[in-house]
Amino acid sequence: MDQTTLQAAQASFRVASQMVYREPEDGSLARFAQTRIFSCAPFGSDDSCVANGARLIDRWCVEHAAGGVVDLQALCDLQSEWFMLLQGAGAPEVPSWAGFHLDRKSQILSELTIAVRRTYRAFGLEVADRSQEPDDNLGLLMEYLAHLIGLEVAALEAGDQKEARRVADAQRQALRDWLLPWICVWRWDMGKHARSDYMRGLGEFVFGLLRAYAARFGFVHVEDGRSSHFSLAR
C-alpha cells in the first residue's frame, strides 16, 4: 500500500472514529453538508459498504443541513438516536466496546481494556477524555489505527523500513485481536437498530473501512448466509 493510500486510510479512520466516539454536533454536520466529503470516500470507495455508507451519510447531511444550517429537530433526533445506539442509559442498543464482545463475562472494563491502554501508551497515543469511555471503545480503536498509520507513513518517509514493519505489525495485531472478531456483529446490530440514514450509513461505513483496510493484511470477509466473519486468506 503506497503512502498516498495510507494517508487516505488514516484520514478516513480519523473521521469515522470521531463519528462513533462523539455525539453528532451541528458544526461537523454542516461541514459534511457543505464540503460533501461523503460524496466520494477517500479510501475504500470500491468496497460496497464504504460506498453505500458514505452515500447514506451524505444524503442525511444534504437533506437536513442544506446551506450549512442544520435543522434543529433533525439534530436533536440524531443526537438522541446516537446516544441510544452507542452510549445508552445503562445498556446501549449497539455495544461498541471490544471487551463487551470478547470478554467471557461481557465486561466493559476488563483485562482487555487494560491491555489496550498499555498498547496505546507504548505507541505514544494519549487518549483524551479517558474517564468518558473505556480505551477499547470502537471509536478509540479506530483512532489508534489512524495513529499507527501516521507512524508508518513517517517511518516510510524517513526510509526506516524496520520501524514501518513494526508499526504495520501492530496494525495487523489490532485488527486481528481487537476489531475483526466482533465488527460483523456490531454492523448487524447497527443495521437492526438504526433508524436514520446517518446512523445506518455510519454502521456500513465503519464496517467497510475496516474490511477494505484489513484486506491489506490478508484478512477476508466471509459471508455465507449463516454467518459473517473474517479469516486469513490461504
Protein backbone atom coordinates (compact mmCIF):
# COMPACT_ATOMS: atom_id res chain seq x y z
CA MET A 1 0.00 0.00 0.00
CA ASP A 2 1.58 3.29 -1.07
CA GLN A 3 1.89 6.35 1.16
CA THR A 4 -0.92 8.26 -0.55
CA THR A 5 -3.35 5.40 0.05
CA LEU A 6 -2.16 5.05 3.64
CA GLN A 7 -2.81 8.75 4.24
CA ALA A 8 -6.29 8.43 2.74
CA ALA A 9 -6.99 5.49 5.07
CA GLN A 10 -5.67 7.47 8.03
CA ALA A 11 -7.97 10.41 7.26
CA SER A 12 -10.97 8.11 6.84
CA PHE A 13 -10.39 6.28 10.13
CA ARG A 14 -9.90 9.59 11.93
CA VAL A 15 -13.24 10.93 10.72
CA ALA A 16 -15.05 7.64 11.40
CA SER A 17 -13.56 7.40 14.89
CA GLN A 18 -14.98 10.78 15.86
CA MET A 19 -18.39 9.93 14.42
CA VAL A 20 -18.57 6.84 16.63
CA TYR A 21 -16.93 8.33 19.71
CA ARG A 22 -18.54 11.78 19.89
CA GLU A 23 -22.13 12.93 19.73
CA PRO A 24 -23.07 14.49 16.38
CA GLU A 25 -22.93 18.27 16.55
CA ASP A 26 -24.12 20.96 14.20
CA GLY A 27 -20.66 22.21 13.23
CA SER A 28 -19.43 18.89 11.85
CA LEU A 29 -22.75 18.06 10.22
CA ALA A 30 -22.86 21.44 8.49
CA ARG A 31 -19.28 20.91 7.30
CA PHE A 32 -20.18 17.47 5.94
CA ALA A 33 -23.07 19.02 4.01
CA GLN A 34 -21.08 21.95 2.66
CA THR A 35 -17.97 20.02 1.64
CA ARG A 36 -19.83 16.86 0.54
CA ILE A 37 -16.86 14.83 1.79
CA PHE A 38 -19.02 11.71 1.84
CA SER A 39 -20.00 12.07 -1.80
CA CYS A 40 -16.72 10.31 -2.62
CA ALA A 41 -14.91 8.31 0.05
CA PRO A 42 -11.15 9.00 0.02
CA PHE A 43 -10.38 5.38 0.93
CA GLY A 44 -12.15 2.12 0.15
CA SER A 45 -14.55 3.57 -2.41
CA ASP A 46 -14.52 0.23 -4.26
CA ASP A 47 -15.89 -1.50 -1.15
CA SER A 48 -19.68 -1.76 -1.39
CA CYS A 49 -20.20 -0.99 2.30
CA VAL A 50 -17.94 2.06 2.25
CA ALA A 51 -19.73 3.37 -0.84
CA ASN A 52 -23.23 2.68 0.48
CA GLY A 53 -22.46 4.01 3.95
CA ALA A 54 -20.97 7.22 2.58
CA ARG A 55 -23.99 7.68 0.30
CA LEU A 56 -26.42 7.35 3.21
CA ILE A 57 -24.47 9.78 5.42
CA ASP A 58 -24.18 12.27 2.58
CA ARG A 59 -27.91 12.01 1.88
CA TRP A 60 -28.81 12.75 5.50
CA CYS A 61 -26.45 15.74 5.62
CA VAL A 62 -27.72 17.22 2.35
CA GLU A 63 -31.32 16.73 3.42
CA HIS A 64 -31.01 18.13 6.95
CA ALA A 65 -28.08 20.56 6.73
CA ALA A 66 -28.65 22.33 3.42
CA GLY A 67 -26.71 25.56 3.12
CA GLY A 68 -24.66 24.70 6.17
CA VAL A 69 -27.57 25.18 8.59
CA VAL A 70 -28.65 22.05 10.45
CA ASP A 71 -32.34 21.58 11.09
CA LEU A 72 -32.72 21.74 14.86
CA GLN A 73 -35.28 18.96 15.19
CA ALA A 74 -33.27 16.66 12.93
CA LEU A 75 -30.17 17.37 15.03
CA CYS A 76 -31.96 16.59 18.29
CA ASP A 77 -33.39 13.38 16.85
CA LEU A 78 -29.96 12.30 15.57
CA GLN A 79 -28.26 13.03 18.88
CA SER A 80 -30.89 11.02 20.73
CA GLU A 81 -30.51 8.14 18.30
CA TRP A 82 -26.69 8.20 18.56
CA PHE A 83 -26.95 8.14 22.36
CA MET A 84 -29.41 5.24 22.48
CA LEU A 85 -27.41 3.23 19.96
CA LEU A 86 -23.84 3.77 21.13
CA GLN A 87 -24.00 5.07 24.72
CA GLY A 88 -27.34 4.12 26.16
CA ALA A 89 -28.92 4.91 29.50
CA GLY A 90 -27.35 1.84 31.07
CA ALA A 91 -27.46 -0.58 28.13
CA PRO A 92 -26.83 0.71 24.59
CA GLU A 93 -28.59 -0.97 21.70
CA VAL A 94 -25.25 -1.43 19.91
CA PRO A 95 -22.42 -2.11 22.40
CA SER A 96 -19.24 -0.64 20.95
CA TRP A 97 -16.51 -1.96 23.24
CA ALA A 98 -14.19 -4.82 22.37
CA GLY A 99 -14.34 -6.16 25.92
CA PHE A 100 -18.12 -6.47 25.80
CA HIS A 101 -17.85 -8.79 22.80
CA LEU A 102 -14.61 -10.61 23.60
CA ASP A 103 -14.62 -10.96 27.37
CA ARG A 104 -16.31 -14.16 28.60
CA LYS A 105 -18.49 -12.16 31.00
CA SER A 106 -19.10 -9.34 28.50
CA GLN A 107 -17.42 -6.89 30.86
CA ILE A 108 -16.94 -3.38 29.52
CA LEU A 109 -13.94 -2.81 31.79
CA SER A 110 -11.81 -5.94 31.54
CA GLU A 111 -8.23 -7.13 31.25
CA LEU A 112 -8.51 -6.48 27.53
CA THR A 113 -9.25 -2.80 28.25
CA ILE A 114 -6.07 -2.57 30.30
CA ALA A 115 -4.04 -4.31 27.59
CA VAL A 116 -5.36 -1.86 25.01
CA ARG A 117 -4.44 1.09 27.21
CA ARG A 118 -0.89 -0.20 27.66
CA THR A 119 -0.51 -0.65 23.92
CA TYR A 120 -1.72 2.88 23.24
CA ARG A 121 0.94 4.19 25.60
CA ALA A 122 3.63 2.02 24.03
CA PHE A 123 2.98 3.68 20.68
CA GLY A 124 2.63 7.20 22.05
CA LEU A 125 -1.13 7.63 21.79
CA GLU A 126 -2.63 9.68 24.58
CA VAL A 127 -6.39 9.33 24.84
CA ALA A 128 -8.33 12.45 25.77
CA ASP A 129 -11.44 12.12 27.95
CA ARG A 130 -10.37 8.70 29.22
CA SER A 131 -12.87 8.95 32.05
CA GLN A 132 -15.66 9.20 29.48
CA GLU A 133 -15.14 5.88 27.68
CA PRO A 134 -13.04 2.71 28.13
CA ASP A 135 -9.97 2.54 25.90
CA ASP A 136 -11.37 -0.35 23.87
CA ASN A 137 -14.25 1.74 22.53
CA LEU A 138 -14.59 1.28 18.77
CA GLY A 139 -14.01 4.97 18.14
CA LEU A 140 -10.76 4.94 20.10
CA LEU A 141 -9.59 1.74 18.43
CA MET A 142 -10.03 3.39 15.03
CA GLU A 143 -8.17 6.46 16.30
CA TYR A 144 -5.37 4.08 17.32
CA LEU A 145 -5.30 2.64 13.80
CA ALA A 146 -5.13 6.15 12.36
CA HIS A 147 -2.28 6.97 14.76
CA LEU A 148 -0.34 3.86 13.73
CA ILE A 149 -0.86 4.58 10.04
CA GLY A 150 0.60 8.04 10.62
CA LEU A 151 3.63 6.49 12.33
CA GLU A 152 4.07 4.09 9.42
CA VAL A 153 3.94 6.92 6.86
CA ALA A 154 6.50 8.89 8.88
CA ALA A 155 8.80 5.85 9.03
CA LEU A 156 8.49 5.29 5.29
CA GLU A 157 9.27 8.92 4.59
CA ALA A 158 12.36 8.61 6.78
CA GLY A 159 13.42 5.42 4.98
CA ASP A 160 13.12 3.37 8.17
CA GLN A 161 11.73 0.10 6.82
CA LYS A 162 12.23 -1.75 10.10
CA GLU A 163 10.10 0.72 12.02
CA ALA A 164 7.48 0.75 9.26
CA ARG A 165 7.19 -3.04 9.51
CA ARG A 166 6.95 -2.88 13.31
CA VAL A 167 4.10 -0.39 13.15
CA ALA A 168 2.36 -2.34 10.38
CA ASP A 169 2.56 -5.46 12.56
CA ALA A 170 0.87 -3.53 15.37
CA GLN A 171 -1.96 -2.62 12.99
CA ARG A 172 -2.36 -6.26 11.98
CA GLN A 173 -2.50 -7.30 15.64
CA ALA A 174 -5.12 -4.67 16.48
CA LEU A 175 -7.32 -5.79 13.60
CA ARG A 176 -6.89 -9.49 14.37
CA ASP A 177 -7.34 -9.35 18.14
CA TRP A 178 -9.45 -6.29 18.91
CA LEU A 179 -11.59 -5.35 15.91
CA LEU A 180 -12.33 -8.03 13.33
CA PRO A 181 -13.65 -10.69 15.77
CA TRP A 182 -16.72 -8.59 16.60
CA ILE A 183 -17.19 -5.90 13.95
CA CYS A 184 -19.59 -8.11 11.95
CA VAL A 185 -21.89 -8.35 14.98
CA TRP A 186 -21.62 -4.60 15.52
CA ARG A 187 -22.57 -3.94 11.90
CA TRP A 188 -25.56 -6.26 12.18
CA ASP A 189 -26.73 -4.55 15.37
CA MET A 190 -26.41 -1.14 13.74
CA GLY A 191 -28.44 -2.28 10.76
CA LYS A 192 -31.12 -3.69 13.07
CA HIS A 193 -31.50 -0.74 15.43
CA ALA A 194 -30.50 2.39 13.48
CA ARG A 195 -33.39 4.48 12.20
CA SER A 196 -31.78 7.35 10.30
CA ASP A 197 -29.76 7.25 7.10
CA TYR A 198 -26.90 8.82 9.05
CA MET A 199 -26.61 6.05 11.64
CA ARG A 200 -27.34 3.24 9.17
CA GLY A 201 -24.67 4.75 6.95
CA LEU A 202 -22.21 5.01 9.82
CA GLY A 203 -22.57 1.29 10.55
CA GLU A 204 -21.89 0.38 6.93
CA PHE A 205 -19.12 2.95 6.51
CA VAL A 206 -17.15 1.81 9.57
CA PHE A 207 -17.50 -1.86 8.68
CA GLY A 208 -16.47 -1.21 5.08
CA LEU A 209 -13.40 0.81 6.09
CA LEU A 210 -12.20 -1.99 8.35
CA ARG A 211 -12.91 -4.62 5.70
CA ALA A 212 -11.09 -2.66 2.99
CA TYR A 213 -8.08 -1.94 5.18
CA ALA A 214 -7.88 -5.45 6.66
CA ALA A 215 -7.53 -6.84 3.13
CA ARG A 216 -4.07 -5.27 3.13
CA PHE A 217 -3.01 -7.86 5.71
CA GLY A 218 -4.72 -10.80 4.06
CA PHE A 219 -7.97 -10.79 6.08
CA VAL A 220 -11.01 -11.82 4.07
CA HIS A 221 -14.64 -11.26 4.98
CA VAL A 222 -16.68 -14.45 4.65
CA GLU A 223 -20.47 -14.28 4.49
CA ASP A 224 -22.31 -17.46 3.63
CA GLY A 225 -25.87 -16.73 4.71
CA ARG A 226 -25.41 -18.41 8.09
CA SER A 227 -22.50 -16.45 9.47
CA SER A 228 -20.38 -13.39 8.83
CA HIS A 229 -16.76 -13.37 9.92
CA PHE A 230 -13.18 -12.64 8.92
CA SER A 231 -10.48 -15.18 8.20
CA LEU A 232 -6.96 -15.13 6.82
CA ALA A 233 -6.71 -15.79 3.10
CA ARG A 234 -4.96 -19.03 2.29
